[in-house]
Amino acid sequence: MEQGQCIVGGYDAVQAVTEEVQDLAQKVKLQVEKKVCRKFETYHAISYCSQVVAGTNLSIKIVVGPGDDYIHVDVYKPLPCSGEQPFLLSSPKFHPQCFTYSTAVASQNVE
């Protein structure tokens, strides 16, 4: 598979966070905190990948503390015409090494 090529129906490559994805992460913050029974003072998205379905599935890596304290969140963003709000697809997962933009780009450059 060539660099930048995606698999039909699959997730695209890991990317740096956009303002839209950061806003989406903020919209589900209370849901995340409720699921993990923890309040986050630090909470900002740093990378994500997405899959187009009848809406969009996003896997977002979010910094939730110092050092390598990350959480991996799967979010569904419905189509705008549905009138629905984004929501969590699964329980958030704590991972010191989920995925990062730099490692994803580096792995794509391997032949």
PDB file of N, CA and C in Angstrom:
ATOM      1  N   MET A   1       0.846  -1.168   0.000  1.00  0.00           N
ATOM      2  CA  MET A   1       0.000   0.000   0.000  1.00  0.00           C
ATOM      3  C   MET A   1       0.895   1.236   0.000  1.00  0.00           C
ATOM      4  N   GLU A   2       0.557   2.244  -0.819  1.00  0.00           N
ATOM      5  CA  GLU A   2       1.350   3.454  -0.906  1.00  0.00           C
ATOM      6  C   GLU A   2       1.056   4.375   0.272  1.00  0.00           C
ATOM      7  N   GLN A   3       2.031   5.259   0.548  1.00  0.00           N
ATOM      8  CA  GLN A   3       1.860   6.210   1.636  1.00  0.00           C
ATOM      9  C   GLN A   3       0.637   7.078   1.375  1.00  0.00           C
ATOM     10  N   GLY A   4      -0.171   7.311   2.400  1.00  0.00           N
ATOM     11  CA  GLY A   4      -1.344   8.147   2.299  1.00  0.00           C
ATOM     12  C   GLY A   4      -2.578   7.432   1.764  1.00  0.00           C
ATOM     13  N   GLN A   5      -2.422   6.214   1.279  1.00  0.00           N
ATOM     14  CA  GLN A   5      -3.553   5.457   0.754  1.00  0.00           C
ATOM     15  C   GLN A   5      -4.327   4.859   1.920  1.00  0.00           C
ATOM     16  N   CYS A   6      -5.660   4.941   1.862  1.00  0.00           N
ATOM     17  CA  CYS A   6      -6.452   4.376   2.953  1.00  0.00           C
ATOM     18  C   CYS A   6      -7.219   3.156   2.467  1.00  0.00           C
ATOM     19  N   ILE A   7      -7.685   2.380   3.406  1.00  0.00           N
ATOM     20  CA  ILE A   7      -8.455   1.176   3.116  1.00  0.00           C
ATOM     21  C   ILE A   7      -9.925   1.560   3.094  1.00  0.00           C
ATOM     22  N   VAL A   8     -10.632   1.179   2.044  1.00  0.00           N
ATOM     23  CA  VAL A   8     -12.049   1.495   1.939  1.00  0.00           C
ATOM     24  C   VAL A   8     -12.785   0.911   3.141  1.00  0.00           C
ATOM     25  N   GLY A   9     -13.559   1.758   3.813  1.00  0.00           N
ATOM     26  CA  GLY A   9     -14.316   1.337   4.979  1.00  0.00           C
ATOM     27  C   GLY A   9     -13.521   1.338   6.271  1.00  0.00           C
ATOM     28  N   GLY A  10     -12.216   1.559   6.196  1.00  0.00           N
ATOM     29  CA  GLY A  10     -11.367   1.543   7.383  1.00  0.00           C
ATOM     30  C   GLY A  10     -11.080   2.940   7.907  1.00  0.00           C
ATOM     31  N   TYR A  11     -10.283   2.981   8.944  1.00  0.00           N
ATOM     32  CA  TYR A  11      -9.861   4.256   9.514  1.00  0.00           C
ATOM     33  C   TYR A  11      -8.764   4.850   8.644  1.00  0.00           C
ATOM     34  N   ASP A  12      -8.725   6.180   8.575  1.00  0.00           N
ATOM     35  CA  ASP A  12      -7.658   6.848   7.845  1.00  0.00           C
ATOM     36  C   ASP A  12      -6.410   6.913   8.724  1.00  0.00           C
ATOM     37  N   ALA A  13      -5.361   7.523   8.231  1.00  0.00           N
ATOM     38  CA  ALA A  13      -4.100   7.639   8.971  1.00  0.00           C
ATOM     39  C   ALA A  13      -4.270   8.563  10.182  1.00  0.00           C
ATOM     40  N   VAL A  14      -3.435   8.367  11.175  1.00  0.00           N
ATOM     41  CA  VAL A  14      -3.431   9.220  12.359  1.00  0.00           C
ATOM     42  C   VAL A  14      -2.979  10.616  11.941  1.00  0.00           C
ATOM     43  N   GLN A  15      -3.685  11.616  12.473  1.00  0.00           N
ATOM     44  CA  GLN A  15      -3.426  13.000  12.096  1.00  0.00           C
ATOM     45  C   GLN A  15      -3.302  13.877  13.329  1.00  0.00           C
ATOM     46  N   ALA A  16      -2.696  15.033  13.135  1.00  0.00           N
ATOM     47  CA  ALA A  16      -2.659  16.045  14.194  1.00  0.00           C
ATOM     48  C   ALA A  16      -4.087  16.578  14.373  1.00  0.00           C
ATOM     49  N   VAL A  17      -4.418  16.987  15.578  1.00  0.00           N
ATOM     50  CA  VAL A  17      -5.771  17.421  15.907  1.00  0.00           C
ATOM     51  C   VAL A  17      -6.101  18.768  15.265  1.00  0.00           C
ATOM     52  N   THR A  18      -7.327  18.854  14.788  1.00  0.00           N
ATOM     53  CA  THR A  18      -7.856  20.108  14.265  1.00  0.00           C
ATOM     54  C   THR A  18      -8.706  20.767  15.347  1.00  0.00           C
ATOM     55  N   GLU A  19      -9.085  22.004  15.126  1.00  0.00           N
ATOM     56  CA  GLU A  19      -9.954  22.692  16.079  1.00  0.00           C
ATOM     57  C   GLU A  19     -11.298  21.974  16.199  1.00  0.00           C
ATOM     58  N   GLU A  20     -11.801  21.457  15.095  1.00  0.00           N
ATOM     59  CA  GLU A  20     -13.072  20.730  15.098  1.00  0.00           C
ATOM     60  C   GLU A  20     -13.002  19.474  15.978  1.00  0.00           C
ATOM     61  N   VAL A  21     -11.896  18.731  15.888  1.00  0.00           N
ATOM     62  CA  VAL A  21     -11.744  17.514  16.697  1.00  0.00           C
ATOM     63  C   VAL A  21     -11.574  17.877  18.167  1.00  0.00           C
ATOM     64  N   GLN A  22     -10.841  18.959  18.461  1.00  0.00           N
ATOM     65  CA  GLN A  22     -10.694  19.401  19.854  1.00  0.00           C
ATOM     66  C   GLN A  22     -12.056  19.772  20.431  1.00  0.00           C
ATOM     67  N   ASP A  23     -12.871  20.472  19.650  1.00  0.00           N
ATOM     68  CA  ASP A  23     -14.225  20.826  20.102  1.00  0.00           C
ATOM     69  C   ASP A  23     -15.067  19.574  20.356  1.00  0.00           C
ATOM     70  N   LEU A  24     -14.933  18.593  19.479  1.00  0.00           N
ATOM     71  CA  LEU A  24     -15.657  17.328  19.650  1.00  0.00           C
ATOM     72  C   LEU A  24     -15.219  16.622  20.935  1.00  0.00           C
ATOM     73  N   ALA A  25     -13.909  16.601  21.191  1.00  0.00           N
ATOM     74  CA  ALA A  25     -13.394  15.996  22.426  1.00  0.00           C
ATOM     75  C   ALA A  25     -13.974  16.703  23.651  1.00  0.00           C
ATOM     76  N   GLN A  26     -14.076  18.024  23.588  1.00  0.00           N
ATOM     77  CA  GLN A  26     -14.638  18.791  24.708  1.00  0.00           C
ATOM     78  C   GLN A  26     -16.112  18.454  24.917  1.00  0.00           C
ATOM     79  N   LYS A  27     -16.839  18.218  23.818  1.00  0.00           N
ATOM     80  CA  LYS A  27     -18.272  17.902  23.920  1.00  0.00           C
ATOM     81  C   LYS A  27     -18.528  16.590  24.648  1.00  0.00           C
ATOM     82  N   VAL A  28     -17.585  15.656  24.571  1.00  0.00           N
ATOM     83  CA  VAL A  28     -17.787  14.361  25.242  1.00  0.00           C
ATOM     84  C   VAL A  28     -17.015  14.257  26.563  1.00  0.00           C
ATOM     85  N   LYS A  29     -16.381  15.339  27.000  1.00  0.00           N
ATOM     86  CA  LYS A  29     -15.563  15.305  28.227  1.00  0.00           C
ATOM     87  C   LYS A  29     -16.362  14.831  29.436  1.00  0.00           C
ATOM     88  N   LEU A  30     -17.553  15.348  29.636  1.00  0.00           N
ATOM     89  CA  LEU A  30     -18.357  14.928  30.796  1.00  0.00           C
ATOM     90  C   LEU A  30     -18.704  13.446  30.720  1.00  0.00           C
ATOM     91  N   GLN A  31     -18.999  12.932  29.524  1.00  0.00           N
ATOM     92  CA  GLN A  31     -19.273  11.510  29.353  1.00  0.00           C
ATOM     93  C   GLN A  31     -18.044  10.678  29.720  1.00  0.00           C
ATOM     94  N   VAL A  32     -16.865  11.151  29.291  1.00  0.00           N
ATOM     95  CA  VAL A  32     -15.612  10.454  29.597  1.00  0.00           C
ATOM     96  C   VAL A  32     -15.371  10.441  31.099  1.00  0.00           C
ATOM     97  N   GLU A  33     -15.504  11.603  31.743  1.00  0.00           N
ATOM     98  CA  GLU A  33     -15.278  11.696  33.190  1.00  0.00           C
ATOM     99  C   GLU A  33     -16.249  10.798  33.957  1.00  0.00           C
ATOM    100  N   LYS A  34     -17.482  10.745  33.518  1.00  0.00           N
ATOM    101  CA  LYS A  34     -18.482   9.899  34.183  1.00  0.00           C
ATOM    102  C   LYS A  34     -18.112   8.416  34.039  1.00  0.00           C
ATOM    103  N   LYS A  35     -17.671   8.007  32.838  1.00  0.00           N
ATOM    104  CA  LYS A  35     -17.307   6.607  32.597  1.00  0.00           C
ATOM    105  C   LYS A  35     -16.122   6.153  33.435  1.00  0.00           C
ATOM    106  N   VAL A  36     -15.116   7.043  33.621  1.00  0.00           N
ATOM    107  CA  VAL A  36     -13.893   6.645  34.337  1.00  0.00           C
ATOM    108  C   VAL A  36     -13.898   7.102  35.794  1.00  0.00           C
ATOM    109  N   CYS A  37     -15.000   7.751  36.221  1.00  0.00           N
ATOM    110  CA  CYS A  37     -15.142   8.229  37.614  1.00  0.00           C
ATOM    111  C   CYS A  37     -13.945   9.090  38.024  1.00  0.00           C
ATOM    112  N   ARG A  38     -13.613  10.034  37.181  1.00  0.00           N
ATOM    113  CA  ARG A  38     -12.456  10.895  37.444  1.00  0.00           C
ATOM    114  C   ARG A  38     -12.657  12.226  36.727  1.00  0.00           C
ATOM    115  N   LYS A  39     -12.305  13.326  37.394  1.00  0.00           N
ATOM    116  CA  LYS A  39     -12.348  14.659  36.792  1.00  0.00           C
ATOM    117  C   LYS A  39     -10.963  14.978  36.243  1.00  0.00           C
ATOM    118  N   PHE A  40     -10.911  15.562  35.052  1.00  0.00           N
ATOM    119  CA  PHE A  40      -9.639  15.896  34.427  1.00  0.00           C
ATOM    120  C   PHE A  40      -9.417  17.406  34.409  1.00  0.00           C
ATOM    121  N   GLU A  41      -8.344  17.854  35.054  1.00  0.00           N
ATOM    122  CA  GLU A  41      -7.954  19.263  34.953  1.00  0.00           C
ATOM    123  C   GLU A  41      -7.289  19.496  33.604  1.00  0.00           C
ATOM    124  N   THR A  42      -6.423  18.562  33.219  1.00  0.00           N
ATOM    125  CA  THR A  42      -5.793  18.613  31.905  1.00  0.00           C
ATOM    126  C   THR A  42      -6.603  17.725  30.980  1.00  0.00           C
ATOM    127  N   TYR A  43      -6.971  18.244  29.810  1.00  0.00           N
ATOM    128  CA  TYR A  43      -7.775  17.477  28.872  1.00  0.00           C
ATOM    129  C   TYR A  43      -7.685  18.143  27.502  1.00  0.00           C
ATOM    130  N   HIS A  44      -6.737  17.687  26.691  1.00  0.00           N
ATOM    131  CA  HIS A  44      -6.663  18.221  25.325  1.00  0.00           C
ATOM    132  C   HIS A  44      -6.218  17.131  24.350  1.00  0.00           C
ATOM    133  N   ALA A  45      -6.922  17.109  23.237  1.00  0.00           N
ATOM    134  CA  ALA A  45      -6.657  16.110  22.203  1.00  0.00           C
ATOM    135  C   ALA A  45      -5.348  16.428  21.493  1.00  0.00           C
ATOM    136  N   ILE A  46      -4.598  15.358  21.126  1.00  0.00           N
ATOM    137  CA  ILE A  46      -3.335  15.581  20.423  1.00  0.00           C
ATOM    138  C   ILE A  46      -3.255  14.861  19.078  1.00  0.00           C
ATOM    139  N   SER A  47      -4.036  13.808  18.888  1.00  0.00           N
ATOM    140  CA  SER A  47      -4.046  13.119  17.594  1.00  0.00           C
ATOM    141  C   SER A  47      -5.351  12.345  17.457  1.00  0.00           C
ATOM    142  N   TYR A  48      -5.656  11.977  16.221  1.00  0.00           N
ATOM    143  CA  TYR A  48      -6.893  11.238  15.976  1.00  0.00           C
ATOM    144  C   TYR A  48      -6.834  10.537  14.624  1.00  0.00           C
ATOM    145  N   CYS A  49      -7.740   9.608  14.432  1.00  0.00           N
ATOM    146  CA  CYS A  49      -7.994   9.031  13.117  1.00  0.00           C
ATOM    147  C   CYS A  49      -9.503   8.889  13.010  1.00  0.00           C
ATOM    148  N   SER A  50     -10.004   8.799  11.780  1.00  0.00           N
ATOM    149  CA  SER A  50     -11.454   8.761  11.603  1.00  0.00           C
ATOM    150  C   SER A  50     -11.863   7.732  10.564  1.00  0.00           C
ATOM    151  N   GLN A  51     -13.134   7.363  10.639  1.00  0.00           N
ATOM    152  CA  GLN A  51     -13.744   6.411   9.723  1.00  0.00           C
ATOM    153  C   GLN A  51     -15.115   6.955   9.348  1.00  0.00           C
ATOM    154  N   VAL A  52     -15.350   7.107   8.053  1.00  0.00           N
ATOM    155  CA  VAL A  52     -16.645   7.599   7.599  1.00  0.00           C
ATOM    156  C   VAL A  52     -17.625   6.440   7.557  1.00  0.00           C
ATOM    157  N   VAL A  53     -18.737   6.624   8.255  1.00  0.00           N
ATOM    158  CA  VAL A  53     -19.838   5.666   8.271  1.00  0.00           C
ATOM    159  C   VAL A  53     -21.089   6.507   7.999  1.00  0.00           C
ATOM    160  N   ALA A  54     -22.225   6.194   8.544  1.00  0.00           N
ATOM    161  CA  ALA A  54     -23.387   7.084   8.468  1.00  0.00           C
ATOM    162  C   ALA A  54     -23.181   8.132   9.561  1.00  0.00           C
ATOM    163  N   GLY A  55     -22.196   8.981   9.350  1.00  0.00           N
ATOM    164  CA  GLY A  55     -21.636   9.908  10.327  1.00  0.00           C
ATOM    165  C   GLY A  55     -20.146   9.646  10.319  1.00  0.00           C
ATOM    166  N   THR A  56     -19.475   9.868  11.438  1.00  0.00           N
ATOM    167  CA  THR A  56     -18.026   9.642  11.515  1.00  0.00           C
ATOM    168  C   THR A  56     -17.655   9.032  12.857  1.00  0.00           C
ATOM    169  N   ASN A  57     -16.874   7.957  12.824  1.00  0.00           N
ATOM    170  CA  ASN A  57     -16.258   7.403  14.034  1.00  0.00           C
ATOM    171  C   ASN A  57     -14.878   8.028  14.154  1.00  0.00           C
ATOM    172  N   LEU A  58     -14.524   8.469  15.339  1.00  0.00           N
ATOM    173  CA  LEU A  58     -13.202   9.036  15.576  1.00  0.00           C
ATOM    174  C   LEU A  58     -12.557   8.353  16.769  1.00  0.00           C
ATOM    175  N   SER A  59     -11.286   8.025  16.641  1.00  0.00           N
ATOM    176  CA  SER A  59     -10.480   7.551  17.766  1.00  0.00           C
ATOM    177  C   SER A  59      -9.550   8.702  18.101  1.00  0.00           C
ATOM    178  N   ILE A  60      -9.686   9.226  19.311  1.00  0.00           N
ATOM    179  CA  ILE A  60      -8.969  10.436  19.700  1.00  0.00           C
ATOM    180  C   ILE A  60      -8.049  10.140  20.874  1.00  0.00           C
ATOM    181  N   LYS A  61      -6.796  10.572  20.760  1.00  0.00           N
ATOM    182  CA  LYS A  61      -5.842  10.453  21.866  1.00  0.00           C
ATOM    183  C   LYS A  61      -5.845  11.790  22.599  1.00  0.00           C
ATOM    184  N   ILE A  62      -6.115  11.731  23.917  1.00  0.00           N
ATOM    185  CA  ILE A  62      -6.280  12.939  24.730  1.00  0.00           C
ATOM    186  C   ILE A  62      -5.313  12.908  25.905  1.00  0.00           C
ATOM    187  N   VAL A  63      -4.580  13.999  26.078  1.00  0.00           N
ATOM    188  CA  VAL A  63      -3.697  14.150  27.240  1.00  0.00           C
ATOM    189  C   VAL A  63      -4.578  14.485  28.440  1.00  0.00           C
ATOM    190  N   VAL A  64      -4.418  13.716  29.533  1.00  0.00           N
ATOM    191  CA  VAL A  64      -5.242  13.936  30.721  1.00  0.00           C
ATOM    192  C   VAL A  64      -4.403  14.168  31.982  1.00  0.00           C
ATOM    193  N   GLY A  65      -3.113  14.316  31.816  1.00  0.00           N
ATOM    194  CA  GLY A  65      -2.248  14.548  32.973  1.00  0.00           C
ATOM    195  C   GLY A  65      -0.813  14.727  32.547  1.00  0.00           C
ATOM    196  N   PRO A  66       0.081  14.786  33.508  1.00  0.00           N
ATOM    197  CA  PRO A  66       1.495  15.004  33.209  1.00  0.00           C
ATOM    198  C   PRO A  66       2.156  13.777  32.577  1.00  0.00           C
ATOM    199  N   GLY A  67       3.245  14.028  31.877  1.00  0.00           N
ATOM    200  CA  GLY A  67       4.023  12.927  31.307  1.00  0.00           C
ATOM    201  C   GLY A  67       3.252  12.175  30.254  1.00  0.00           C
ATOM    202  N   ASP A  68       3.236  10.855  30.380  1.00  0.00           N
ATOM    203  CA  ASP A  68       2.569   9.990  29.407  1.00  0.00           C
ATOM    204  C   ASP A  68       1.170   9.589  29.849  1.00  0.00           C
ATOM    205  N   ASP A  69       0.441  10.483  30.485  1.00  0.00           N
ATOM    206  CA  ASP A  69      -0.912  10.193  30.949  1.00  0.00           C
ATOM    207  C   ASP A  69      -1.903  10.551  29.848  1.00  0.00           C
ATOM    208  N   TYR A  70      -2.271   9.526  29.049  1.00  0.00           N
ATOM    209  CA  TYR A  70      -3.178   9.703  27.925  1.00  0.00           C
ATOM    210  C   TYR A  70      -4.402   8.830  28.106  1.00  0.00           C
ATOM    211  N   ILE A  71      -5.463   9.230  27.421  1.00  0.00           N
ATOM    212  CA  ILE A  71      -6.657   8.405  27.357  1.00  0.00           C
ATOM    213  C   ILE A  71      -7.037   8.287  25.891  1.00  0.00           C
ATOM    214  N   HIS A  72      -7.528   7.122  25.507  1.00  0.00           N
ATOM    215  CA  HIS A  72      -7.948   6.852  24.146  1.00  0.00           C
ATOM    216  C   HIS A  72      -9.468   6.792  24.141  1.00  0.00           C
ATOM    217  N   VAL A  73     -10.101   7.661  23.343  1.00  0.00           N
ATOM    218  CA  VAL A  73     -11.553   7.792  23.347  1.00  0.00           C
ATOM    219  C   VAL A  73     -12.098   7.535  21.947  1.00  0.00           C
ATOM    220  N   ASP A  74     -13.103   6.674  21.833  1.00  0.00           N
ATOM    221  CA  ASP A  74     -13.783   6.423  20.567  1.00  0.00           C
ATOM    222  C   ASP A  74     -15.118   7.156  20.592  1.00  0.00           C
ATOM    223  N   VAL A  75     -15.306   8.049  19.619  1.00  0.00           N
ATOM    224  CA  VAL A  75     -16.476   8.926  19.577  1.00  0.00           C
ATOM    225  C   VAL A  75     -17.205   8.757  18.250  1.00  0.00           C
ATOM    226  N   TYR A  76     -18.533   8.818  18.306  1.00  0.00           N
ATOM    227  CA  TYR A  76     -19.334   8.835  17.098  1.00  0.00           C
ATOM    228  C   TYR A  76     -19.879  10.241  16.909  1.00  0.00           C
ATOM    229  N   LYS A  77     -19.642  10.807  15.726  1.00  0.00           N
ATOM    230  CA  LYS A  77     -20.175  12.119  15.370  1.00  0.00           C
ATOM    231  C   LYS A  77     -21.257  11.889  14.317  1.00  0.00           C
ATOM    232  N   PRO A  78     -22.536  12.077  14.686  1.00  0.00           N
ATOM    233  CA  PRO A  78     -23.634  11.831  13.754  1.00  0.00           C
ATOM    234  C   PRO A  78     -23.637  12.849  12.600  1.00  0.00           C
ATOM    235  N   LEU A  79     -24.337  12.511  11.550  1.00  0.00           N
ATOM    236  CA  LEU A  79     -24.526  13.458  10.452  1.00  0.00           C
ATOM    237  C   LEU A  79     -25.287  14.675  10.971  1.00  0.00           C
ATOM    238  N   PRO A  80     -24.962  15.873  10.467  1.00  0.00           N
ATOM    239  CA  PRO A  80     -25.637  17.098  10.947  1.00  0.00           C
ATOM    240  C   PRO A  80     -27.162  17.041  10.810  1.00  0.00           C
ATOM    241  N   CYS A  81     -27.667  16.396   9.770  1.00  0.00           N
ATOM    242  CA  CYS A  81     -29.118  16.346   9.546  1.00  0.00           C
ATOM    243  C   CYS A  81     -29.864  15.516  10.593  1.00  0.00           C
ATOM    244  N   SER A  82     -29.129  14.703  11.375  1.00  0.00           N
ATOM    245  CA  SER A  82     -29.781  13.846  12.375  1.00  0.00           C
ATOM    246  C   SER A  82     -30.237  14.625  13.600  1.00  0.00           C
ATOM    247  N   GLY A  83     -29.571  15.746  13.875  1.00  0.00           N
ATOM    248  CA  GLY A  83     -29.903  16.521  15.070  1.00  0.00           C
ATOM    249  C   GLY A  83     -29.366  15.912  16.350  1.00  0.00           C
ATOM    250  N   GLU A  84     -28.632  14.799  16.250  1.00  0.00           N
ATOM    251  CA  GLU A  84     -28.073  14.123  17.423  1.00  0.00           C
ATOM    252  C   GLU A  84     -26.747  14.745  17.838  1.00  0.00           C
ATOM    253  N   GLN A  85     -26.385  14.539  19.097  1.00  0.00           N
ATOM    254  CA  GLN A  85     -25.109  15.000  19.632  1.00  0.00           C
ATOM    255  C   GLN A  85     -24.070  13.883  19.554  1.00  0.00           C
ATOM    256  N   PRO A  86     -22.776  14.233  19.505  1.00  0.00           N
ATOM    257  CA  PRO A  86     -21.722  13.205  19.540  1.00  0.00           C
ATOM    258  C   PRO A  86     -21.800  12.412  20.841  1.00  0.00           C
ATOM    259  N   PHE A  87     -21.361  11.140  20.779  1.00  0.00           N
ATOM    260  CA  PHE A  87     -21.355  10.322  21.996  1.00  0.00           C
ATOM    261  C   PHE A  87     -20.235   9.296  21.941  1.00  0.00           C
ATOM    262  N   LEU A  88     -19.903   8.752  23.120  1.00  0.00           N
ATOM    263  CA  LEU A  88     -18.858   7.732  23.229  1.00  0.00           C
ATOM    264  C   LEU A  88     -19.340   6.418  22.632  1.00  0.00           C
ATOM    265  N   LEU A  89     -18.453   5.752  21.907  1.00  0.00           N
ATOM    266  CA  LEU A  89     -18.774   4.433  21.348  1.00  0.00           C
ATOM    267  C   LEU A  89     -18.414   3.309  22.303  1.00  0.00           C
ATOM    268  N   SER A  90     -17.404   3.550  23.151  1.00  0.00           N
ATOM    269  CA  SER A  90     -16.947   2.516  24.074  1.00  0.00           C
ATOM    270  C   SER A  90     -16.341   3.186  25.299  1.00  0.00           C
ATOM    271  N   SER A  91     -16.016   2.396  26.293  1.00  0.00           N
ATOM    272  CA  SER A  91     -15.384   2.940  27.489  1.00  0.00           C
ATOM    273  C   SER A  91     -13.996   3.466  27.146  1.00  0.00           C
ATOM    274  N   PRO A  92     -13.645   4.647  27.656  1.00  0.00           N
ATOM    275  CA  PRO A  92     -12.312   5.196  27.421  1.00  0.00           C
ATOM    276  C   PRO A  92     -11.237   4.256  27.952  1.00  0.00           C
ATOM    277  N   LYS A  93     -10.092   4.250  27.299  1.00  0.00           N
ATOM    278  CA  LYS A  93      -8.986   3.389  27.696  1.00  0.00           C
ATOM    279  C   LYS A  93      -7.764   4.230  28.029  1.00  0.00           C
ATOM    280  N   PHE A  94      -7.157   3.955  29.177  1.00  0.00           N
ATOM    281  CA  PHE A  94      -5.916   4.636  29.538  1.00  0.00           C
ATOM    282  C   PHE A  94      -4.759   3.877  28.922  1.00  0.00           C
ATOM    283  N   HIS A  95      -3.909   4.568  28.204  1.00  0.00           N
ATOM    284  CA  HIS A  95      -2.744   3.966  27.577  1.00  0.00           C
ATOM    285  C   HIS A  95      -1.586   4.948  27.619  1.00  0.00           C
ATOM    286  N   PRO A  96      -0.448   4.513  28.105  1.00  0.00           N
ATOM    287  CA  PRO A  96       0.713   5.397  28.016  1.00  0.00           C
ATOM    288  C   PRO A  96       1.186   5.537  26.574  1.00  0.00           C
ATOM    289  N   GLN A  97       0.928   4.542  25.743  1.00  0.00           N
ATOM    290  CA  GLN A  97       1.351   4.582  24.340  1.00  0.00           C
ATOM    291  C   GLN A  97       0.192   4.153  23.451  1.00  0.00           C
ATOM    292  N   CYS A  98      -0.753   5.021  23.156  1.00  0.00           N
ATOM    293  CA  CYS A  98      -1.853   4.675  22.240  1.00  0.00           C
ATOM    294  C   CYS A  98      -1.341   4.802  20.824  1.00  0.00           C
ATOM    295  N   PHE A  99      -1.415   5.978  20.300  1.00  0.00           N
ATOM    296  CA  PHE A  99      -0.845   6.264  19.005  1.00  0.00           C
ATOM    297  C   PHE A  99      -0.476   7.733  18.996  1.00  0.00           C
ATOM    298  N   THR A 100       0.475   8.094  18.180  1.00  0.00           N
ATOM    299  CA  THR A 100       0.865   9.483  18.054  1.00  0.00           C
ATOM    300  C   THR A 100       1.004   9.827  16.585  1.00  0.00           C
ATOM    301  N   TYR A 101       0.853  11.065  16.293  1.00  0.00           N
ATOM    302  CA  TYR A 101       0.994  11.533  14.917  1.00  0.00           C
ATOM    303  C   TYR A 101       2.378  11.203  14.382  1.00  0.00           C
ATOM    304  N   SER A 102       3.417  11.453  15.164  1.00  0.00           N
ATOM    305  CA  SER A 102       4.783  11.238  14.684  1.00  0.00           C
ATOM    306  C   SER A 102       5.084   9.763  14.433  1.00  0.00           C
ATOM    307  N   THR A 103       4.627   8.857  15.299  1.00  0.00           N
ATOM    308  CA  THR A 103       4.904   7.440  15.063  1.00  0.00           C
ATOM    309  C   THR A 103       4.094   6.909  13.893  1.00  0.00           C
ATOM    310  N   ALA A 104       2.893   7.436  13.690  1.00  0.00           N
ATOM    311  CA  ALA A 104       2.100   6.990  12.553  1.00  0.00           C
ATOM    312  C   ALA A 104       2.747   7.430  11.247  1.00  0.00           C
ATOM    313  N   VAL A 105       3.220   8.663  11.189  1.00  0.00           N
ATOM    314  CA  VAL A 105       3.882   9.154   9.987  1.00  0.00           C
ATOM    315  C   VAL A 105       5.153   8.372   9.743  1.00  0.00           C
ATOM    316  N   ALA A 106       5.926   8.116  10.796  1.00  0.00           N
ATOM    317  CA  ALA A 106       7.175   7.362  10.660  1.00  0.00           C
ATOM    318  C   ALA A 106       6.904   5.951  10.151  1.00  0.00           C
ATOM    319  N   SER A 107       5.842   5.313  10.656  1.00  0.00           N
ATOM    320  CA  SER A 107       5.563   3.942  10.227  1.00  0.00           C
ATOM    321  C   SER A 107       5.088   3.885   8.786  1.00  0.00           C
ATOM    322  N   GLN A 108       4.487   4.953   8.294  1.00  0.00           N
ATOM    323  CA  GLN A 108       4.034   5.000   6.901  1.00  0.00           C
ATOM    324  C   GLN A 108       5.218   5.144   5.954  1.00  0.00           C
ATOM    325  N   ASN A 109       6.329   5.684   6.431  1.00  0.00           N
ATOM    326  CA  ASN A 109       7.493   5.897   5.589  1.00  0.00           C
ATOM    327  C   ASN A 109       8.358   4.655   5.455  1.00  0.00           C
ATOM    328  N   VAL A 110       8.003   3.590   6.154  1.00  0.00           N
ATOM    329  CA  VAL A 110       8.757   2.346   6.084  1.00  0.00           C
ATOM    330  C   VAL A 110       8.339   1.603   4.818  1.00  0.00           C
ATOM    331  N   GLU A 111       9.295   1.167   4.029  1.00  0.00           N
ATOM    332  CA  GLU A 111       8.958   0.453   2.793  1.00  0.00           C
ATOM    333  C   GLU A 111       9.018  -1.031   2.979  1.00  0.00           C
TER     334      GLU A 111
END
